[in-house]
Amino acid sequence: MPTTAQLESLYRVSYQLTFIMLQPIHLVCVDRRTRNVYVLAGSGEDLEFEIVPNGEVF
């Protein structure tokens, strides 16, 4: 289960990708081992984001 900070960051990243950059989001998943949220986006699936439990985006 994502943390509150991760959900806030996920919302911000999703908003920027879809409404500002007009890029599709293909996959959002949570790694149960590290508890990181991963986002795969972009028309060529070339944008990758990792959101750690404290909400930082890499």
Protein backbone atom coordinates (compact mmCIF):
# COMPACT_ATOMS: atom_id res chain seq x y z
CA MET A 1 0.00 0.00 0.00
CA PRO A 2 1.47 3.40 -0.98
CA THR A 3 2.11 6.02 1.68
CA THR A 4 0.25 9.33 1.74
CA ALA A 5 3.37 11.11 0.47
CA GLN A 6 3.64 8.65 -2.44
CA LEU A 7 0.00 9.16 -3.38
CA GLU A 8 0.44 12.93 -3.38
CA SER A 9 3.52 12.63 -5.60
CA LEU A 10 1.76 10.14 -7.87
CA TYR A 11 -1.13 12.59 -8.32
CA ARG A 12 1.28 15.42 -9.13
CA VAL A 13 3.28 13.32 -11.63
CA SER A 14 0.11 11.97 -13.25
CA TYR A 15 -1.34 15.46 -13.62
CA GLN A 16 1.84 16.81 -15.19
CA LEU A 17 2.13 13.86 -17.58
CA THR A 18 -1.46 13.82 -18.80
CA PHE A 19 -2.66 17.44 -18.69
CA ILE A 20 0.54 19.43 -19.21
CA MET A 21 2.82 17.15 -21.24
CA LEU A 22 -0.05 15.22 -22.94
CA GLN A 23 1.74 11.88 -22.44
CA PRO A 24 -0.03 8.56 -21.83
CA ILE A 25 0.58 6.55 -18.66
CA HIS A 26 1.05 2.85 -19.41
CA LEU A 27 1.77 1.31 -16.02
CA VAL A 28 1.66 2.16 -12.32
CA CYS A 29 2.77 -0.50 -9.85
CA VAL A 30 4.09 -0.93 -6.32
CA ASP A 31 7.17 -3.06 -5.60
CA ARG A 32 6.25 -5.02 -2.48
CA ARG A 33 9.90 -5.52 -1.53
CA THR A 34 11.01 -1.86 -1.60
CA ARG A 35 7.53 -0.25 -1.32
CA ASN A 36 8.46 2.06 -4.22
CA VAL A 37 5.83 3.15 -6.75
CA TYR A 38 6.88 2.89 -10.40
CA VAL A 39 5.32 4.79 -13.30
CA LEU A 40 5.96 3.96 -16.96
CA ALA A 41 4.75 6.67 -19.34
CA GLY A 42 5.31 8.38 -22.66
CA SER A 43 4.25 7.63 -26.21
CA GLY A 44 7.34 5.44 -26.62
CA GLU A 45 7.25 4.18 -23.02
CA ASP A 46 10.46 6.13 -22.51
CA LEU A 47 9.53 8.03 -19.33
CA GLU A 48 10.14 6.20 -16.06
CA PHE A 49 9.48 7.50 -12.56
CA GLU A 50 10.20 5.95 -9.18
CA ILE A 51 8.46 7.32 -6.09
CA VAL A 52 10.06 6.29 -2.80
CA PRO A 53 8.06 6.00 0.44
CA ASN A 54 8.85 9.56 1.58
CA GLY A 55 7.37 10.90 -1.68
CA GLU A 56 10.55 11.86 -3.52
CA VAL A 57 10.42 11.26 -7.28
CA PHE A 58 13.37 9.88 -9.22
